[in-house]
Amino acid sequence: MVNSVVISGCFKGIEGEELLLKVEGLENHQIVRINISKGFQKELNSYIKENDLISIKGYIEIDDLHRIIIVATKITFLSSKKAQN
């Protein structure tokens, strides 16, 4: 069995060790929390802005309380807003 997840959405921020990703459906949206390493956090702060479209590749873990956790292994920038002069 392969444990792999790919999800894309708009970056909404970082809280602790979690990246917040807004994933939109036809009628609503959800904020998905994705665990990221401190190395990812340092790199992201230099390059990412709120509402940038990104893709996350990772895997699923189950914590001690039987909650599903998505752990990021790769982050890809799909698009970003250009700076206005």
N, C-alpha and C. Protein backbone atom coordinates (compact mmCIF):
# COMPACT_ATOMS: atom_id res chain seq x y z
N MET A 1 0.84 -1.17 0.00
CA MET A 1 0.00 0.00 0.00
C MET A 1 0.89 1.24 0.00
N VAL A 2 0.54 2.22 -0.83
CA VAL A 2 1.31 3.45 -0.94
C VAL A 2 0.64 4.53 -0.09
N ASN A 3 1.42 5.19 0.73
CA ASN A 3 0.91 6.26 1.59
C ASN A 3 1.39 7.58 1.00
N SER A 4 0.57 8.17 0.13
CA SER A 4 0.96 9.40 -0.55
C SER A 4 -0.25 10.31 -0.70
N VAL A 5 -0.01 11.61 -0.49
CA VAL A 5 -1.07 12.62 -0.59
C VAL A 5 -0.56 13.77 -1.44
N VAL A 6 -1.39 14.27 -2.35
CA VAL A 6 -1.10 15.49 -3.10
C VAL A 6 -2.33 16.38 -2.97
N ILE A 7 -2.13 17.61 -2.52
CA ILE A 7 -3.24 18.53 -2.31
C ILE A 7 -2.78 19.93 -2.72
N SER A 8 -3.67 20.70 -3.31
CA SER A 8 -3.32 22.06 -3.70
C SER A 8 -4.36 23.03 -3.19
N GLY A 9 -3.94 24.25 -3.00
CA GLY A 9 -4.83 25.29 -2.51
C GLY A 9 -4.07 26.58 -2.27
N CYS A 10 -4.73 27.53 -1.61
CA CYS A 10 -4.14 28.84 -1.34
C CYS A 10 -3.52 28.87 0.04
N PHE A 11 -2.29 29.34 0.12
CA PHE A 11 -1.58 29.47 1.39
C PHE A 11 -2.27 30.54 2.24
N LYS A 12 -2.57 30.20 3.49
CA LYS A 12 -3.23 31.15 4.38
C LYS A 12 -2.38 31.54 5.58
N GLY A 13 -1.28 30.83 5.84
CA GLY A 13 -0.42 31.20 6.95
C GLY A 13 0.21 29.98 7.60
N ILE A 14 0.96 30.26 8.67
CA ILE A 14 1.61 29.20 9.44
C ILE A 14 1.28 29.42 10.90
N GLU A 15 0.82 28.36 11.56
CA GLU A 15 0.56 28.38 13.00
C GLU A 15 1.38 27.28 13.64
N GLY A 16 2.38 27.66 14.42
CA GLY A 16 3.25 26.66 15.04
C GLY A 16 3.98 25.87 13.99
N GLU A 17 3.77 24.56 13.98
CA GLU A 17 4.41 23.69 12.99
C GLU A 17 3.44 23.27 11.90
N GLU A 18 2.36 24.04 11.71
CA GLU A 18 1.34 23.69 10.72
C GLU A 18 1.17 24.79 9.68
N LEU A 19 1.15 24.38 8.44
CA LEU A 19 0.84 25.27 7.34
C LEU A 19 -0.67 25.21 7.13
N LEU A 20 -1.30 26.37 6.94
CA LEU A 20 -2.74 26.43 6.71
C LEU A 20 -2.99 26.60 5.22
N LEU A 21 -3.75 25.68 4.64
CA LEU A 21 -4.02 25.66 3.21
C LEU A 21 -5.52 25.72 2.99
N LYS A 22 -5.98 26.72 2.23
CA LYS A 22 -7.40 26.86 1.92
C LYS A 22 -7.69 26.05 0.65
N VAL A 23 -8.54 25.04 0.81
CA VAL A 23 -8.91 24.16 -0.30
C VAL A 23 -10.37 24.43 -0.63
N GLU A 24 -10.64 24.80 -1.88
CA GLU A 24 -11.99 25.19 -2.26
C GLU A 24 -12.70 24.09 -3.04
N GLY A 25 -13.98 23.91 -2.71
CA GLY A 25 -14.85 22.99 -3.44
C GLY A 25 -15.86 23.81 -4.23
N LEU A 26 -16.86 23.15 -4.75
CA LEU A 26 -17.88 23.86 -5.53
C LEU A 26 -18.73 24.78 -4.68
N GLU A 27 -19.06 24.37 -3.46
CA GLU A 27 -19.97 25.15 -2.64
C GLU A 27 -19.34 25.72 -1.38
N ASN A 28 -18.16 25.27 -1.00
CA ASN A 28 -17.55 25.77 0.22
C ASN A 28 -16.03 25.62 0.15
N HIS A 29 -15.38 26.01 1.23
CA HIS A 29 -13.94 25.82 1.32
C HIS A 29 -13.60 25.29 2.70
N GLN A 30 -12.44 24.68 2.80
CA GLN A 30 -11.95 24.13 4.06
C GLN A 30 -10.52 24.63 4.28
N ILE A 31 -10.16 24.80 5.53
CA ILE A 31 -8.77 25.09 5.88
C ILE A 31 -8.16 23.77 6.35
N VAL A 32 -7.13 23.31 5.64
CA VAL A 32 -6.46 22.06 5.95
C VAL A 32 -5.14 22.39 6.64
N ARG A 33 -4.88 21.73 7.76
CA ARG A 33 -3.64 21.93 8.50
C ARG A 33 -2.64 20.84 8.09
N ILE A 34 -1.44 21.26 7.70
CA ILE A 34 -0.43 20.33 7.22
C ILE A 34 0.85 20.53 8.03
N ASN A 35 1.35 19.46 8.63
CA ASN A 35 2.59 19.54 9.41
C ASN A 35 3.77 19.81 8.48
N ILE A 36 4.60 20.77 8.88
CA ILE A 36 5.81 21.08 8.13
C ILE A 36 6.99 21.15 9.09
N SER A 37 8.17 20.87 8.59
CA SER A 37 9.38 20.92 9.41
C SER A 37 9.82 22.36 9.59
N LYS A 38 10.70 22.59 10.56
CA LYS A 38 11.22 23.94 10.79
C LYS A 38 12.03 24.42 9.58
N GLY A 39 12.66 23.50 8.87
CA GLY A 39 13.39 23.87 7.66
C GLY A 39 12.46 24.44 6.59
N PHE A 40 11.30 23.79 6.40
CA PHE A 40 10.30 24.32 5.47
C PHE A 40 9.82 25.70 5.93
N GLN A 41 9.61 25.87 7.23
CA GLN A 41 9.12 27.15 7.74
C GLN A 41 10.08 28.28 7.40
N LYS A 42 11.38 28.07 7.62
CA LYS A 42 12.37 29.11 7.34
C LYS A 42 12.39 29.47 5.86
N GLU A 43 12.35 28.46 4.99
CA GLU A 43 12.37 28.71 3.55
C GLU A 43 11.09 29.41 3.08
N LEU A 44 9.95 28.96 3.59
CA LEU A 44 8.67 29.54 3.16
C LEU A 44 8.56 31.01 3.51
N ASN A 45 9.04 31.39 4.68
CA ASN A 45 8.94 32.79 5.10
C ASN A 45 9.62 33.73 4.11
N SER A 46 10.63 33.26 3.41
CA SER A 46 11.36 34.08 2.45
C SER A 46 10.63 34.22 1.11
N TYR A 47 9.79 33.25 0.75
CA TYR A 47 9.27 33.19 -0.60
C TYR A 47 7.76 33.28 -0.74
N ILE A 48 7.01 32.99 0.29
CA ILE A 48 5.56 32.83 0.13
C ILE A 48 4.80 34.01 0.71
N LYS A 49 3.67 34.31 0.07
CA LYS A 49 2.76 35.33 0.55
C LYS A 49 1.36 34.72 0.67
N GLU A 50 0.55 35.33 1.50
CA GLU A 50 -0.82 34.84 1.66
C GLU A 50 -1.52 34.82 0.31
N ASN A 51 -2.31 33.79 0.08
CA ASN A 51 -3.10 33.54 -1.13
C ASN A 51 -2.29 33.04 -2.32
N ASP A 52 -0.99 32.76 -2.15
CA ASP A 52 -0.23 32.11 -3.21
C ASP A 52 -0.79 30.70 -3.40
N LEU A 53 -0.88 30.26 -4.65
CA LEU A 53 -1.36 28.92 -4.96
C LEU A 53 -0.19 27.95 -4.89
N ILE A 54 -0.32 26.93 -4.03
CA ILE A 54 0.75 25.96 -3.85
C ILE A 54 0.20 24.54 -3.89
N SER A 55 1.10 23.60 -4.08
CA SER A 55 0.77 22.19 -4.05
C SER A 55 1.64 21.52 -2.99
N ILE A 56 1.04 20.63 -2.23
CA ILE A 56 1.75 19.92 -1.17
C ILE A 56 1.77 18.43 -1.51
N LYS A 57 2.95 17.83 -1.45
CA LYS A 57 3.08 16.38 -1.56
C LYS A 57 3.53 15.89 -0.19
N GLY A 58 2.93 14.80 0.27
CA GLY A 58 3.30 14.31 1.59
C GLY A 58 2.71 12.94 1.86
N TYR A 59 2.54 12.64 3.13
CA TYR A 59 1.99 11.35 3.53
C TYR A 59 1.10 11.53 4.76
N ILE A 60 0.33 10.49 5.05
CA ILE A 60 -0.63 10.52 6.16
C ILE A 60 -0.05 9.78 7.35
N GLU A 61 -0.23 10.37 8.53
CA GLU A 61 0.10 9.71 9.79
C GLU A 61 -1.15 9.75 10.67
N ILE A 62 -1.20 8.88 11.65
CA ILE A 62 -2.26 8.87 12.64
C ILE A 62 -1.62 9.16 14.00
N ASP A 63 -2.14 10.15 14.73
CA ASP A 63 -1.55 10.45 16.04
C ASP A 63 -2.14 9.57 17.14
N ASP A 64 -1.73 9.82 18.37
CA ASP A 64 -2.17 9.00 19.51
C ASP A 64 -3.66 9.09 19.77
N LEU A 65 -4.29 10.19 19.31
CA LEU A 65 -5.74 10.37 19.49
C LEU A 65 -6.52 9.90 18.26
N HIS A 66 -5.84 9.18 17.35
CA HIS A 66 -6.44 8.63 16.13
C HIS A 66 -6.93 9.71 15.17
N ARG A 67 -6.23 10.84 15.16
CA ARG A 67 -6.54 11.91 14.20
C ARG A 67 -5.60 11.76 13.00
N ILE A 68 -6.10 12.09 11.83
CA ILE A 68 -5.30 12.04 10.61
C ILE A 68 -4.44 13.30 10.53
N ILE A 69 -3.16 13.10 10.25
CA ILE A 69 -2.22 14.21 10.09
C ILE A 69 -1.58 14.08 8.72
N ILE A 70 -1.51 15.19 7.98
CA ILE A 70 -0.80 15.22 6.71
C ILE A 70 0.56 15.85 6.97
N VAL A 71 1.63 15.15 6.58
CA VAL A 71 3.00 15.63 6.76
C VAL A 71 3.57 15.97 5.40
N ALA A 72 4.02 17.21 5.22
CA ALA A 72 4.54 17.67 3.93
C ALA A 72 5.96 17.17 3.72
N THR A 73 6.24 16.69 2.49
CA THR A 73 7.59 16.32 2.10
C THR A 73 8.10 17.20 0.95
N LYS A 74 7.16 17.84 0.23
CA LYS A 74 7.53 18.72 -0.88
C LYS A 74 6.47 19.78 -1.05
N ILE A 75 6.91 21.02 -1.28
CA ILE A 75 5.99 22.13 -1.53
C ILE A 75 6.36 22.74 -2.87
N THR A 76 5.37 22.88 -3.75
CA THR A 76 5.59 23.43 -5.08
C THR A 76 4.74 24.69 -5.25
N PHE A 77 5.34 25.76 -5.75
CA PHE A 77 4.61 26.99 -6.02
C PHE A 77 3.97 26.88 -7.40
N LEU A 78 2.66 26.99 -7.45
CA LEU A 78 1.95 26.89 -8.73
C LEU A 78 1.76 28.26 -9.36
N SER A 79 1.55 29.27 -8.54
CA SER A 79 1.46 30.66 -9.02
C SER A 79 1.53 31.59 -7.84
N SER A 80 1.82 32.82 -8.11
CA SER A 80 1.83 33.83 -7.06
C SER A 80 1.42 35.15 -7.67
N LYS A 81 0.95 36.04 -6.83
CA LYS A 81 0.57 37.37 -7.31
C LYS A 81 1.82 38.18 -7.57
N LYS A 82 1.84 38.90 -8.67
CA LYS A 82 2.98 39.74 -8.98
C LYS A 82 2.86 41.04 -8.21
N ALA A 83 4.00 41.57 -7.79
CA ALA A 83 4.01 42.83 -7.05
C ALA A 83 3.56 43.96 -7.94
N GLN A 84 2.72 44.84 -7.39
CA GLN A 84 2.25 45.99 -8.15
C GLN A 84 3.12 47.19 -7.82
N ASN A 85 3.45 47.98 -8.84
CA ASN A 85 4.30 49.18 -8.63
C ASN A 85 3.49 50.32 -8.13
